[in-house]
Amino acid sequence: MLSAAIVGASGYSGQETLDRVLSHPELELISLGSDSLAGQPGSTLDLRLARVDGSVPGFVSNAEALASGADVVFLCLGHEEAAALVPPASGVVVDLSGAHRLADSAAYERWYGFSHPRADELADWCYAIPELTPPTGRLIANPGCYATAALLALAPVADLVDPASVAVDGKSGISGAGRALKSTSHAGAVLDNVSPYKVGAHQHAAEIERALGYPVSFCPHVVPVRRGLVATCFVRPTGDGVRERIESTYAGSDTVAVLPEGVAPEIARVRGTDAAEIGVFEDRATGRAIVICAIDNLGKGAAGQAVQNANLALGLPETAGLSLTGVLV
């Protein structure tokens, strides 16, 4: 068994990562970090953890979890906090924040609103979407949820479309905003509503541009569901073969399913899993292609992908610990 530690386990991404580590056949959790819960039992986070006999250690500080010597450390912290951390000298580190997703340090002020405190170390981190760009080192920047869905849809055909035509409409459940309370995540702001936010200024646009090699027009929305995300991508092909390229890219994938013609992805089928669905359509009115990707923002968009990346970096089966099957209601 390889050892795992979670830093910042009290947030949504930390709890989802914990869930997957506990069900992982090759990982043993040795340290659970949270500055707000340090000294308390693991069941403080969720009473259901009391039923996991002996598998959940008590909470320690984030600094102690980071220094635990684990074979893999999952960083589930805010962007600025993660950016300031010194990674352990050995072992795999998977950062679920945005602190290491951009290669250009100057971009952090524009997209995240802070100056990166360890800018000279950004080149040490690889940006990894397992199906497209698997991890190449031990320090791994886990992609954002919107970026994951958009890139799964667009990266295979990046050279088959007019870059100036690409527009992405993203819709995510409220859990994408994190556990911290915000006025925009109150029930009164979310229920019976669809809210565009960070219009033209969302930080995941920078990730998409880095991976595709050109910028896209991107607008995210909050929808009144707990979890799940859909990215609808509009592109103008410069030739034939969009569906064929996407199908060939994911032909051997256990995590990404390209749906038959005429079938659209749905949040309901991916919610609670670490899988993705992609649908490819032609717009009869304009000749554009519409590529749609659905994922769970906390699964394939966060914790599931983090574990998938860790598996590859550790030489383990890629889907170990992931939830990919089931008929959910």
C-alpha atoms as a PDB file:
ATOM      1  CA  MET A   1       0.000   0.000   0.000  1.00  0.00           C
ATOM      2  CA  LEU A   2       1.155   3.509  -0.810  1.00  0.00           C
ATOM      3  CA  SER A   3       0.462   6.306   1.668  1.00  0.00           C
ATOM      4  CA  ALA A   4      -1.683   9.397   1.057  1.00  0.00           C
ATOM      5  CA  ALA A   5      -2.228  12.698   2.838  1.00  0.00           C
ATOM      6  CA  ILE A   6      -4.887  15.342   2.228  1.00  0.00           C
ATOM      7  CA  VAL A   7      -4.137  18.992   2.979  1.00  0.00           C
ATOM      8  CA  GLY A   8      -7.264  21.111   3.367  1.00  0.00           C
ATOM      9  CA  ALA A   9      -9.673  18.228   3.793  1.00  0.00           C
ATOM     10  CA  SER A  10     -12.594  20.222   5.203  1.00  0.00           C
ATOM     11  CA  GLY A  11     -13.713  21.761   1.890  1.00  0.00           C
ATOM     12  CA  TYR A  12     -15.773  20.110  -0.826  1.00  0.00           C
ATOM     13  CA  SER A  13     -12.794  19.048  -2.938  1.00  0.00           C
ATOM     14  CA  GLY A  14     -11.005  17.757   0.171  1.00  0.00           C
ATOM     15  CA  GLN A  15     -13.992  15.717   1.289  1.00  0.00           C
ATOM     16  CA  GLU A  16     -14.485  14.298  -2.211  1.00  0.00           C
ATOM     17  CA  THR A  17     -10.790  13.388  -2.384  1.00  0.00           C
ATOM     18  CA  LEU A  18     -11.058  11.716   1.006  1.00  0.00           C
ATOM     19  CA  ASP A  19     -14.004   9.667  -0.241  1.00  0.00           C
ATOM     20  CA  ARG A  20     -11.962   8.346  -3.165  1.00  0.00           C
ATOM     21  CA  VAL A  21      -8.818   7.661  -1.145  1.00  0.00           C
ATOM     22  CA  LEU A  22     -10.848   5.617   1.346  1.00  0.00           C
ATOM     23  CA  SER A  23     -12.177   3.421  -1.464  1.00  0.00           C
ATOM     24  CA  HIS A  24      -8.800   3.156  -3.224  1.00  0.00           C
ATOM     25  CA  PRO A  25      -7.350  -0.380  -3.238  1.00  0.00           C
ATOM     26  CA  GLU A  26      -3.735   0.825  -3.330  1.00  0.00           C
ATOM     27  CA  LEU A  27      -3.733   3.912  -1.074  1.00  0.00           C
ATOM     28  CA  GLU A  28      -3.685   4.158   2.711  1.00  0.00           C
ATOM     29  CA  LEU A  29      -4.656   7.477   4.271  1.00  0.00           C
ATOM     30  CA  ILE A  30      -2.060   8.436   6.874  1.00  0.00           C
ATOM     31  CA  SER A  31      -2.742  12.135   7.431  1.00  0.00           C
ATOM     32  CA  LEU A  32      -5.831  14.352   7.253  1.00  0.00           C
ATOM     33  CA  GLY A  33      -5.090  18.070   7.366  1.00  0.00           C
ATOM     34  CA  SER A  34      -7.347  20.974   8.292  1.00  0.00           C
ATOM     35  CA  ASP A  35      -6.350  24.010  10.306  1.00  0.00           C
ATOM     36  CA  SER A  36      -9.960  24.595  11.373  1.00  0.00           C
ATOM     37  CA  LEU A  37     -10.527  20.974  12.513  1.00  0.00           C
ATOM     38  CA  ALA A  38      -7.045  20.076  13.847  1.00  0.00           C
ATOM     39  CA  GLY A  39      -7.234  17.919  16.959  1.00  0.00           C
ATOM     40  CA  GLN A  40     -10.714  16.621  16.211  1.00  0.00           C
ATOM     41  CA  PRO A  41     -11.708  13.146  14.983  1.00  0.00           C
ATOM     42  CA  GLY A  42     -12.302  12.533  11.297  1.00  0.00           C
ATOM     43  CA  SER A  43     -16.021  12.054  11.910  1.00  0.00           C
ATOM     44  CA  THR A  44     -16.237  15.772  12.745  1.00  0.00           C
ATOM     45  CA  LEU A  45     -16.261  16.394   9.008  1.00  0.00           C
ATOM     46  CA  ASP A  46     -19.070  13.929   8.345  1.00  0.00           C
ATOM     47  CA  LEU A  47     -20.745  11.566  10.822  1.00  0.00           C
ATOM     48  CA  ARG A  48     -20.736   8.808   8.209  1.00  0.00           C
ATOM     49  CA  LEU A  49     -16.963   8.590   8.636  1.00  0.00           C
ATOM     50  CA  ALA A  50     -17.519   7.095  12.098  1.00  0.00           C
ATOM     51  CA  ARG A  51     -18.641   3.923  10.302  1.00  0.00           C
ATOM     52  CA  VAL A  52     -15.290   3.604   8.489  1.00  0.00           C
ATOM     53  CA  ASP A  53     -13.595   1.705  11.287  1.00  0.00           C
ATOM     54  CA  GLY A  54      -9.934   2.569  11.742  1.00  0.00           C
ATOM     55  CA  SER A  55      -9.468   4.037   8.259  1.00  0.00           C
ATOM     56  CA  VAL A  56      -9.840   7.739   9.041  1.00  0.00           C
ATOM     57  CA  PRO A  57      -7.161   9.365  11.207  1.00  0.00           C
ATOM     58  CA  GLY A  58      -7.929  12.396  13.322  1.00  0.00           C
ATOM     59  CA  PHE A  59      -7.353  15.855  11.885  1.00  0.00           C
ATOM     60  CA  VAL A  60      -3.952  17.521  12.175  1.00  0.00           C
ATOM     61  CA  SER A  61      -2.812  20.919  10.953  1.00  0.00           C
ATOM     62  CA  ASN A  62      -2.236  21.392   7.258  1.00  0.00           C
ATOM     63  CA  ALA A  63       1.479  21.877   7.892  1.00  0.00           C
ATOM     64  CA  GLU A  64       1.672  18.541   9.669  1.00  0.00           C
ATOM     65  CA  ALA A  65      -0.208  16.767   6.879  1.00  0.00           C
ATOM     66  CA  LEU A  66       2.095  18.324   4.277  1.00  0.00           C
ATOM     67  CA  ALA A  67       5.138  17.074   6.191  1.00  0.00           C
ATOM     68  CA  SER A  68       3.739  13.565   6.774  1.00  0.00           C
ATOM     69  CA  GLY A  69       6.070  11.918   4.260  1.00  0.00           C
ATOM     70  CA  ALA A  70       3.170  10.445   2.281  1.00  0.00           C
ATOM     71  CA  ASP A  71       3.764   8.962  -1.152  1.00  0.00           C
ATOM     72  CA  VAL A  72       1.089  11.297  -2.505  1.00  0.00           C
ATOM     73  CA  VAL A  73      -0.210  14.570  -1.093  1.00  0.00           C
ATOM     74  CA  PHE A  74      -3.435  16.129  -2.310  1.00  0.00           C
ATOM     75  CA  LEU A  75      -3.550  19.922  -1.881  1.00  0.00           C
ATOM     76  CA  CYS A  76      -7.185  21.030  -1.459  1.00  0.00           C
ATOM     77  CA  LEU A  77      -6.591  24.643  -0.463  1.00  0.00           C
ATOM     78  CA  GLY A  78      -7.478  28.089  -1.759  1.00  0.00           C
ATOM     79  CA  HIS A  79      -5.430  29.455  -4.640  1.00  0.00           C
ATOM     80  CA  GLU A  80      -3.237  31.882  -2.694  1.00  0.00           C
ATOM     81  CA  GLU A  81      -2.633  29.497   0.201  1.00  0.00           C
ATOM     82  CA  ALA A  82      -1.570  26.695  -2.144  1.00  0.00           C
ATOM     83  CA  ALA A  83       0.663  29.052  -4.127  1.00  0.00           C
ATOM     84  CA  ALA A  84       2.620  29.941  -0.989  1.00  0.00           C
ATOM     85  CA  LEU A  85       3.303  26.349   0.115  1.00  0.00           C
ATOM     86  CA  VAL A  86       6.690  24.693  -0.281  1.00  0.00           C
ATOM     87  CA  PRO A  87       5.987  21.214  -1.662  1.00  0.00           C
ATOM     88  CA  PRO A  88       7.595  18.231   0.069  1.00  0.00           C
ATOM     89  CA  ALA A  89      10.991  17.230  -1.301  1.00  0.00           C
ATOM     90  CA  SER A  90       9.734  13.804  -2.378  1.00  0.00           C
ATOM     91  CA  GLY A  91       6.516  12.104  -3.318  1.00  0.00           C
ATOM     92  CA  VAL A  92       3.738  13.051  -5.719  1.00  0.00           C
ATOM     93  CA  VAL A  93       1.852  16.298  -5.056  1.00  0.00           C
ATOM     94  CA  VAL A  94      -1.480  16.990  -6.756  1.00  0.00           C
ATOM     95  CA  ASP A  95      -2.722  20.568  -6.393  1.00  0.00           C
ATOM     96  CA  LEU A  96      -6.498  20.888  -6.857  1.00  0.00           C
ATOM     97  CA  SER A  97      -6.372  24.699  -6.675  1.00  0.00           C
ATOM     98  CA  GLY A  98      -5.480  27.083  -9.471  1.00  0.00           C
ATOM     99  CA  ALA A  99      -2.135  27.972  -7.908  1.00  0.00           C
ATOM    100  CA  HIS A 100       0.006  26.140 -10.468  1.00  0.00           C
ATOM    101  CA  ARG A 101      -2.194  25.891 -13.575  1.00  0.00           C
ATOM    102  CA  LEU A 102      -0.723  28.824 -15.489  1.00  0.00           C
ATOM    103  CA  ALA A 103       2.810  28.921 -16.873  1.00  0.00           C
ATOM    104  CA  ASP A 104       3.055  32.734 -16.938  1.00  0.00           C
ATOM    105  CA  SER A 105       3.397  34.144 -13.429  1.00  0.00           C
ATOM    106  CA  ALA A 106       2.152  37.558 -14.587  1.00  0.00           C
ATOM    107  CA  ALA A 107      -1.169  35.956 -15.520  1.00  0.00           C
ATOM    108  CA  TYR A 108      -1.973  35.362 -11.841  1.00  0.00           C
ATOM    109  CA  GLU A 109      -2.487  39.044 -11.189  1.00  0.00           C
ATOM    110  CA  ARG A 110      -4.836  39.301 -14.165  1.00  0.00           C
ATOM    111  CA  TRP A 111      -6.873  36.151 -13.598  1.00  0.00           C
ATOM    112  CA  TYR A 112      -6.575  35.406  -9.867  1.00  0.00           C
ATOM    113  CA  GLY A 113      -5.930  38.827  -8.390  1.00  0.00           C
ATOM    114  CA  PHE A 114      -2.660  38.078  -6.600  1.00  0.00           C
ATOM    115  CA  SER A 115       1.051  38.087  -7.324  1.00  0.00           C
ATOM    116  CA  HIS A 116       2.409  34.539  -7.306  1.00  0.00           C
ATOM    117  CA  PRO A 117       4.828  34.181  -4.354  1.00  0.00           C
ATOM    118  CA  ARG A 118       6.814  31.304  -5.922  1.00  0.00           C
ATOM    119  CA  ALA A 119       6.739  32.318  -9.567  1.00  0.00           C
ATOM    120  CA  ASP A 120      10.165  30.867 -10.360  1.00  0.00           C
ATOM    121  CA  GLU A 121       8.879  27.374  -9.502  1.00  0.00           C
ATOM    122  CA  LEU A 122       5.836  27.313 -11.795  1.00  0.00           C
ATOM    123  CA  ALA A 123       7.828  25.478 -14.483  1.00  0.00           C
ATOM    124  CA  ASP A 124       8.260  22.564 -12.056  1.00  0.00           C
ATOM    125  CA  TRP A 125       4.533  21.808 -12.214  1.00  0.00           C
ATOM    126  CA  CYS A 126       2.857  19.912 -15.053  1.00  0.00           C
ATOM    127  CA  TYR A 127      -0.729  20.664 -16.080  1.00  0.00           C
ATOM    128  CA  ALA A 128      -2.365  17.274 -16.533  1.00  0.00           C
ATOM    129  CA  ILE A 129      -5.619  16.079 -18.052  1.00  0.00           C
ATOM    130  CA  PRO A 130      -5.007  12.310 -18.091  1.00  0.00           C
ATOM    131  CA  GLU A 131      -6.741  11.573 -21.413  1.00  0.00           C
ATOM    132  CA  LEU A 132      -5.009  14.443 -23.228  1.00  0.00           C
ATOM    133  CA  THR A 133      -1.825  15.443 -21.389  1.00  0.00           C
ATOM    134  CA  PRO A 134      -0.906  12.842 -18.734  1.00  0.00           C
ATOM    135  CA  PRO A 135       1.324  13.966 -15.851  1.00  0.00           C
ATOM    136  CA  THR A 136       5.021  14.162 -16.666  1.00  0.00           C
ATOM    137  CA  GLY A 137       6.450  14.784 -13.204  1.00  0.00           C
ATOM    138  CA  ARG A 138       5.695  14.469  -9.527  1.00  0.00           C
ATOM    139  CA  LEU A 139       4.254  17.991  -9.107  1.00  0.00           C
ATOM    140  CA  ILE A 140       0.845  18.057 -10.787  1.00  0.00           C
ATOM    141  CA  ALA A 141      -1.524  20.976 -11.341  1.00  0.00           C
ATOM    142  CA  ASN A 142      -5.021  19.499 -11.476  1.00  0.00           C
ATOM    143  CA  PRO A 143      -7.200  21.347 -14.033  1.00  0.00           C
ATOM    144  CA  GLY A 144     -10.271  23.376 -13.117  1.00  0.00           C
ATOM    145  CA  CYS A 145     -13.754  21.968 -13.642  1.00  0.00           C
ATOM    146  CA  TYR A 146     -14.869  24.210 -16.517  1.00  0.00           C
ATOM    147  CA  ALA A 147     -11.477  23.868 -18.177  1.00  0.00           C
ATOM    148  CA  THR A 148     -11.646  20.085 -17.922  1.00  0.00           C
ATOM    149  CA  ALA A 149     -15.025  19.882 -19.652  1.00  0.00           C
ATOM    150  CA  ALA A 150     -14.134  22.451 -22.317  1.00  0.00           C
ATOM    151  CA  LEU A 151     -10.781  20.862 -23.098  1.00  0.00           C
ATOM    152  CA  LEU A 152     -12.140  17.333 -23.272  1.00  0.00           C
ATOM    153  CA  ALA A 153     -14.546  18.685 -25.893  1.00  0.00           C
ATOM    154  CA  LEU A 154     -12.196  21.008 -27.777  1.00  0.00           C
ATOM    155  CA  ALA A 155      -8.588  19.823 -27.481  1.00  0.00           C
ATOM    156  CA  PRO A 156      -8.941  16.883 -29.889  1.00  0.00           C
ATOM    157  CA  VAL A 157     -10.194  19.218 -32.638  1.00  0.00           C
ATOM    158  CA  ALA A 158      -8.205  22.361 -31.789  1.00  0.00           C
ATOM    159  CA  ASP A 159      -6.557  22.289 -35.220  1.00  0.00           C
ATOM    160  CA  LEU A 160      -9.768  21.495 -37.116  1.00  0.00           C
ATOM    161  CA  VAL A 161     -11.687  24.654 -36.221  1.00  0.00           C
ATOM    162  CA  ASP A 162     -11.433  28.397 -36.725  1.00  0.00           C
ATOM    163  CA  PRO A 163      -9.986  29.703 -33.427  1.00  0.00           C
ATOM    164  CA  ALA A 164     -11.907  32.981 -33.737  1.00  0.00           C
ATOM    165  CA  SER A 165     -15.195  31.057 -33.813  1.00  0.00           C
ATOM    166  CA  VAL A 166     -14.843  29.189 -30.532  1.00  0.00           C
ATOM    167  CA  ALA A 167     -17.326  30.044 -27.769  1.00  0.00           C
ATOM    168  CA  VAL A 168     -17.975  28.058 -24.592  1.00  0.00           C
ATOM    169  CA  ASP A 169     -21.160  28.246 -22.527  1.00  0.00           C
ATOM    170  CA  GLY A 170     -20.596  26.678 -19.092  1.00  0.00           C
ATOM    171  CA  LYS A 171     -23.219  25.793 -16.505  1.00  0.00           C
ATOM    172  CA  SER A 172     -22.303  24.412 -13.089  1.00  0.00           C
ATOM    173  CA  GLY A 173     -24.031  23.376  -9.904  1.00  0.00           C
ATOM    174  CA  ILE A 174     -23.640  25.482  -6.780  1.00  0.00           C
ATOM    175  CA  SER A 175     -20.994  23.212  -5.222  1.00  0.00           C
ATOM    176  CA  GLY A 176     -18.564  24.722  -7.734  1.00  0.00           C
ATOM    177  CA  ALA A 177     -18.525  27.823  -5.542  1.00  0.00           C
ATOM    178  CA  GLY A 178     -17.006  25.871  -2.641  1.00  0.00           C
ATOM    179  CA  ARG A 179     -18.132  25.358   0.933  1.00  0.00           C
ATOM    180  CA  ALA A 180     -17.438  28.892   2.192  1.00  0.00           C
ATOM    181  CA  LEU A 181     -20.591  30.993   2.519  1.00  0.00           C
ATOM    182  CA  LYS A 182     -21.183  33.694  -0.071  1.00  0.00           C
ATOM    183  CA  SER A 183     -24.212  35.847  -0.743  1.00  0.00           C
ATOM    184  CA  THR A 184     -24.336  34.486  -4.293  1.00  0.00           C
ATOM    185  CA  SER A 185     -24.609  30.901  -3.028  1.00  0.00           C
ATOM    186  CA  HIS A 186     -27.539  31.467  -0.674  1.00  0.00           C
ATOM    187  CA  ALA A 187     -30.707  29.588  -1.590  1.00  0.00           C
ATOM    188  CA  GLY A 188     -32.472  32.848  -2.384  1.00  0.00           C
ATOM    189  CA  ALA A 189     -29.865  33.663  -5.016  1.00  0.00           C
ATOM    190  CA  VAL A 190     -29.667  30.206  -6.575  1.00  0.00           C
ATOM    191  CA  LEU A 191     -33.089  28.562  -6.535  1.00  0.00           C
ATOM    192  CA  ASP A 192     -35.362  29.319  -9.506  1.00  0.00           C
ATOM    193  CA  ASN A 193     -32.516  31.239 -11.105  1.00  0.00           C
ATOM    194  CA  VAL A 194     -29.679  30.977 -13.624  1.00  0.00           C
ATOM    195  CA  SER A 195     -26.844  33.406 -12.913  1.00  0.00           C
ATOM    196  CA  PRO A 196     -24.037  34.305 -15.313  1.00  0.00           C
ATOM    197  CA  TYR A 197     -20.935  35.355 -13.378  1.00  0.00           C
ATOM    198  CA  LYS A 198     -17.365  36.485 -14.051  1.00  0.00           C
ATOM    199  CA  VAL A 199     -18.561  37.141 -17.595  1.00  0.00           C
ATOM    200  CA  GLY A 200     -15.521  37.348 -19.867  1.00  0.00           C
ATOM    201  CA  ALA A 201     -13.232  37.222 -16.843  1.00  0.00           C
ATOM    202  CA  HIS A 202     -13.318  33.688 -15.407  1.00  0.00           C
ATOM    203  CA  GLN A 203      -9.901  32.284 -14.520  1.00  0.00           C
ATOM    204  CA  HIS A 204     -10.533  28.965 -16.262  1.00  0.00           C
ATOM    205  CA  ALA A 205     -10.421  30.787 -19.605  1.00  0.00           C
ATOM    206  CA  ALA A 206      -6.684  31.169 -19.103  1.00  0.00           C
ATOM    207  CA  GLU A 207      -6.258  27.416 -18.687  1.00  0.00           C
ATOM    208  CA  ILE A 208      -8.254  26.739 -21.812  1.00  0.00           C
ATOM    209  CA  GLU A 209      -6.098  29.184 -23.768  1.00  0.00           C
ATOM    210  CA  ARG A 210      -2.896  27.616 -22.447  1.00  0.00           C
ATOM    211  CA  ALA A 211      -3.963  24.146 -23.556  1.00  0.00           C
ATOM    212  CA  LEU A 212      -5.478  25.059 -26.940  1.00  0.00           C
ATOM    213  CA  GLY A 213      -2.912  27.642 -27.922  1.00  0.00           C
ATOM    214  CA  TYR A 214      -5.498  30.359 -28.551  1.00  0.00           C
ATOM    215  CA  PRO A 215      -8.122  32.227 -26.482  1.00  0.00           C
ATOM    216  CA  VAL A 216     -11.824  31.384 -26.519  1.00  0.00           C
ATOM    217  CA  SER A 217     -14.931  33.280 -25.537  1.00  0.00           C
ATOM    218  CA  PHE A 218     -16.176  31.755 -22.281  1.00  0.00           C
ATOM    219  CA  CYS A 219     -19.157  32.537 -20.055  1.00  0.00           C
ATOM    220  CA  PRO A 220     -20.004  30.490 -16.924  1.00  0.00           C
ATOM    221  CA  HIS A 221     -23.371  30.246 -15.182  1.00  0.00           C
ATOM    222  CA  VAL A 222     -24.595  28.915 -11.841  1.00  0.00           C
ATOM    223  CA  VAL A 223     -27.654  26.683 -12.135  1.00  0.00           C
ATOM    224  CA  PRO A 224     -29.858  25.445  -9.276  1.00  0.00           C
ATOM    225  CA  VAL A 225     -28.428  21.953  -8.917  1.00  0.00           C
ATOM    226  CA  ARG A 226     -26.107  20.673  -6.219  1.00  0.00           C
ATOM    227  CA  ARG A 227     -23.384  19.225  -8.446  1.00  0.00           C
ATOM    228  CA  GLY A 228     -22.658  18.662 -12.115  1.00  0.00           C
ATOM    229  CA  LEU A 229     -21.426  20.740 -15.035  1.00  0.00           C
ATOM    230  CA  VAL A 230     -22.115  21.076 -18.762  1.00  0.00           C
ATOM    231  CA  ALA A 231     -19.861  22.885 -21.227  1.00  0.00           C
ATOM    232  CA  THR A 232     -21.473  23.597 -24.605  1.00  0.00           C
ATOM    233  CA  CYS A 233     -18.808  24.537 -27.152  1.00  0.00           C
ATOM    234  CA  PHE A 234     -19.625  26.251 -30.447  1.00  0.00           C
ATOM    235  CA  VAL A 235     -17.004  26.022 -33.217  1.00  0.00           C
ATOM    236  CA  ARG A 236     -16.760  26.563 -36.962  1.00  0.00           C
ATOM    237  CA  PRO A 237     -14.930  23.604 -38.541  1.00  0.00           C
ATOM    238  CA  THR A 238     -12.347  24.323 -41.214  1.00  0.00           C
ATOM    239  CA  GLY A 239     -12.829  20.839 -42.674  1.00  0.00           C
ATOM    240  CA  ASP A 240     -14.472  17.486 -42.067  1.00  0.00           C
ATOM    241  CA  GLY A 241     -13.762  14.982 -39.339  1.00  0.00           C
ATOM    242  CA  VAL A 242     -14.728  16.642 -36.051  1.00  0.00           C
ATOM    243  CA  ARG A 243     -16.720  13.657 -34.768  1.00  0.00           C
ATOM    244  CA  GLU A 244     -14.196  11.170 -36.110  1.00  0.00           C
ATOM    245  CA  ARG A 245     -11.297  12.934 -34.378  1.00  0.00           C
ATOM    246  CA  ILE A 246     -13.126  13.059 -31.037  1.00  0.00           C
ATOM    247  CA  GLU A 247     -14.182   9.423 -31.290  1.00  0.00           C
ATOM    248  CA  SER A 248     -10.644   8.269 -32.098  1.00  0.00           C
ATOM    249  CA  THR A 249      -9.177  10.319 -29.231  1.00  0.00           C
ATOM    250  CA  TYR A 250     -11.328   8.592 -26.633  1.00  0.00           C
ATOM    251  CA  ALA A 251     -11.730   5.191 -28.290  1.00  0.00           C
ATOM    252  CA  GLY A 252      -9.747   3.441 -25.575  1.00  0.00           C
ATOM    253  CA  SER A 253     -10.805   5.602 -22.642  1.00  0.00           C
ATOM    254  CA  ASP A 254     -12.425   4.167 -19.526  1.00  0.00           C
ATOM    255  CA  THR A 255     -13.426   7.626 -18.319  1.00  0.00           C
ATOM    256  CA  VAL A 256     -14.718   9.546 -21.361  1.00  0.00           C
ATOM    257  CA  ALA A 257     -17.654   8.297 -23.435  1.00  0.00           C
ATOM    258  CA  VAL A 258     -18.478   9.782 -26.844  1.00  0.00           C
ATOM    259  CA  LEU A 259     -22.217   9.365 -27.263  1.00  0.00           C
ATOM    260  CA  PRO A 260     -23.930   8.140 -30.431  1.00  0.00           C
ATOM    261  CA  GLU A 261     -25.137  10.681 -32.967  1.00  0.00           C
ATOM    262  CA  GLY A 262     -28.201  12.561 -31.790  1.00  0.00           C
ATOM    263  CA  VAL A 263     -27.646  11.773 -28.092  1.00  0.00           C
ATOM    264  CA  ALA A 264     -26.839  14.686 -25.764  1.00  0.00           C
ATOM    265  CA  PRO A 265     -24.797  14.510 -22.531  1.00  0.00           C
ATOM    266  CA  GLU A 266     -26.695  14.984 -19.283  1.00  0.00           C
ATOM    267  CA  ILE A 267     -25.620  15.950 -15.791  1.00  0.00           C
ATOM    268  CA  ALA A 268     -27.868  13.258 -14.291  1.00  0.00           C
ATOM    269  CA  ARG A 269     -25.785  10.459 -15.815  1.00  0.00           C
ATOM    270  CA  VAL A 270     -22.409  11.755 -14.634  1.00  0.00           C
ATOM    271  CA  ARG A 271     -23.407  13.201 -11.250  1.00  0.00           C
ATOM    272  CA  GLY A 272     -21.546  11.420  -8.453  1.00  0.00           C
ATOM    273  CA  THR A 273     -19.085   9.792 -10.871  1.00  0.00           C
ATOM    274  CA  ASP A 274     -15.627  10.481 -12.265  1.00  0.00           C
ATOM    275  CA  ALA A 275     -16.704   9.962 -15.862  1.00  0.00           C
ATOM    276  CA  ALA A 276     -17.398  12.354 -18.731  1.00  0.00           C
ATOM    277  CA  GLU A 277     -19.887  12.301 -21.592  1.00  0.00           C
ATOM    278  CA  ILE A 278     -19.330  14.050 -24.924  1.00  0.00           C
ATOM    279  CA  GLY A 279     -21.886  14.710 -27.639  1.00  0.00           C
ATOM    280  CA  VAL A 280     -21.097  16.016 -31.125  1.00  0.00           C
ATOM    281  CA  PHE A 281     -23.704  17.809 -33.234  1.00  0.00           C
ATOM    282  CA  GLU A 282     -23.989  19.852 -36.406  1.00  0.00           C
ATOM    283  CA  ASP A 283     -25.936  23.127 -36.331  1.00  0.00           C
ATOM    284  CA  ARG A 284     -28.144  22.935 -39.425  1.00  0.00           C
ATOM    285  CA  ALA A 285     -28.680  26.690 -39.513  1.00  0.00           C
ATOM    286  CA  THR A 286     -25.031  27.778 -39.541  1.00  0.00           C
ATOM    287  CA  GLY A 287     -22.913  24.719 -40.313  1.00  0.00           C
ATOM    288  CA  ARG A 288     -21.122  25.120 -37.010  1.00  0.00           C
ATOM    289  CA  ALA A 289     -20.282  22.120 -34.851  1.00  0.00           C
ATOM    290  CA  ILE A 290     -21.577  21.980 -31.280  1.00  0.00           C
ATOM    291  CA  VAL A 291     -19.536  19.803 -28.921  1.00  0.00           C
ATOM    292  CA  ILE A 292     -21.013  19.248 -25.459  1.00  0.00           C
ATOM    293  CA  CYS A 293     -19.273  17.746 -22.442  1.00  0.00           C
ATOM    294  CA  ALA A 294     -20.926  16.844 -19.123  1.00  0.00           C
ATOM    295  CA  ILE A 295     -18.969  16.025 -15.958  1.00  0.00           C
ATOM    296  CA  ASP A 296     -19.442  16.142 -12.217  1.00  0.00           C
ATOM    297  CA  ASN A 297     -17.626  19.300 -11.130  1.00  0.00           C
ATOM    298  CA  LEU A 298     -16.486  17.631  -7.894  1.00  0.00           C
ATOM    299  CA  GLY A 299     -15.634  14.324  -9.587  1.00  0.00           C
ATOM    300  CA  LYS A 300     -13.947  14.475 -12.985  1.00  0.00           C
ATOM    301  CA  GLY A 301     -13.766  18.241 -12.455  1.00  0.00           C
ATOM    302  CA  ALA A 302     -11.799  17.980  -9.200  1.00  0.00           C
ATOM    303  CA  ALA A 303     -11.220  15.010  -6.867  1.00  0.00           C
ATOM    304  CA  GLY A 304     -11.736  12.193  -9.360  1.00  0.00           C
ATOM    305  CA  GLN A 305      -9.271  13.708 -11.798  1.00  0.00           C
ATOM    306  CA  ALA A 306      -6.797  14.353  -8.966  1.00  0.00           C
ATOM    307  CA  VAL A 307      -6.840  10.680  -8.008  1.00  0.00           C
ATOM    308  CA  GLN A 308      -6.628   9.689 -11.688  1.00  0.00           C
ATOM    309  CA  ASN A 309      -3.543  11.895 -12.091  1.00  0.00           C
ATOM    310  CA  ALA A 310      -2.027  10.488  -8.907  1.00  0.00           C
ATOM    311  CA  ASN A 311      -2.585   6.945 -10.142  1.00  0.00           C
ATOM    312  CA  LEU A 312      -0.672   7.664 -13.351  1.00  0.00           C
ATOM    313  CA  ALA A 313       2.176   9.390 -11.517  1.00  0.00           C
ATOM    314  CA  LEU A 314       2.466   6.515  -9.032  1.00  0.00           C
ATOM    315  CA  GLY A 315       2.316   3.790 -11.673  1.00  0.00           C
ATOM    316  CA  LEU A 316      -1.053   2.483 -10.459  1.00  0.00           C
ATOM    317  CA  PRO A 317      -4.051   1.467 -12.592  1.00  0.00           C
ATOM    318  CA  GLU A 318      -5.468   4.728 -13.955  1.00  0.00           C
ATOM    319  CA  THR A 319      -9.023   4.168 -12.705  1.00  0.00           C
ATOM    320  CA  ALA A 320      -8.200   2.764  -9.248  1.00  0.00           C
ATOM    321  CA  GLY A 321     -10.443   4.354  -6.625  1.00  0.00           C
ATOM    322  CA  LEU A 322     -12.679   6.047  -9.217  1.00  0.00           C
ATOM    323  CA  SER A 323     -16.432   5.695  -9.592  1.00  0.00           C
ATOM    324  CA  LEU A 324     -17.247   5.179 -13.271  1.00  0.00           C
ATOM    325  CA  THR A 325     -20.249   2.886 -13.424  1.00  0.00           C
ATOM    326  CA  GLY A 326     -23.709   2.671 -11.984  1.00  0.00           C
ATOM    327  CA  VAL A 327     -27.242   3.625 -12.861  1.00  0.00           C
ATOM    328  CA  LEU A 328     -27.882   6.683 -10.694  1.00  0.00           C
ATOM    329  CA  VAL A 329     -31.306   8.113  -9.865  1.00  0.00           C
END
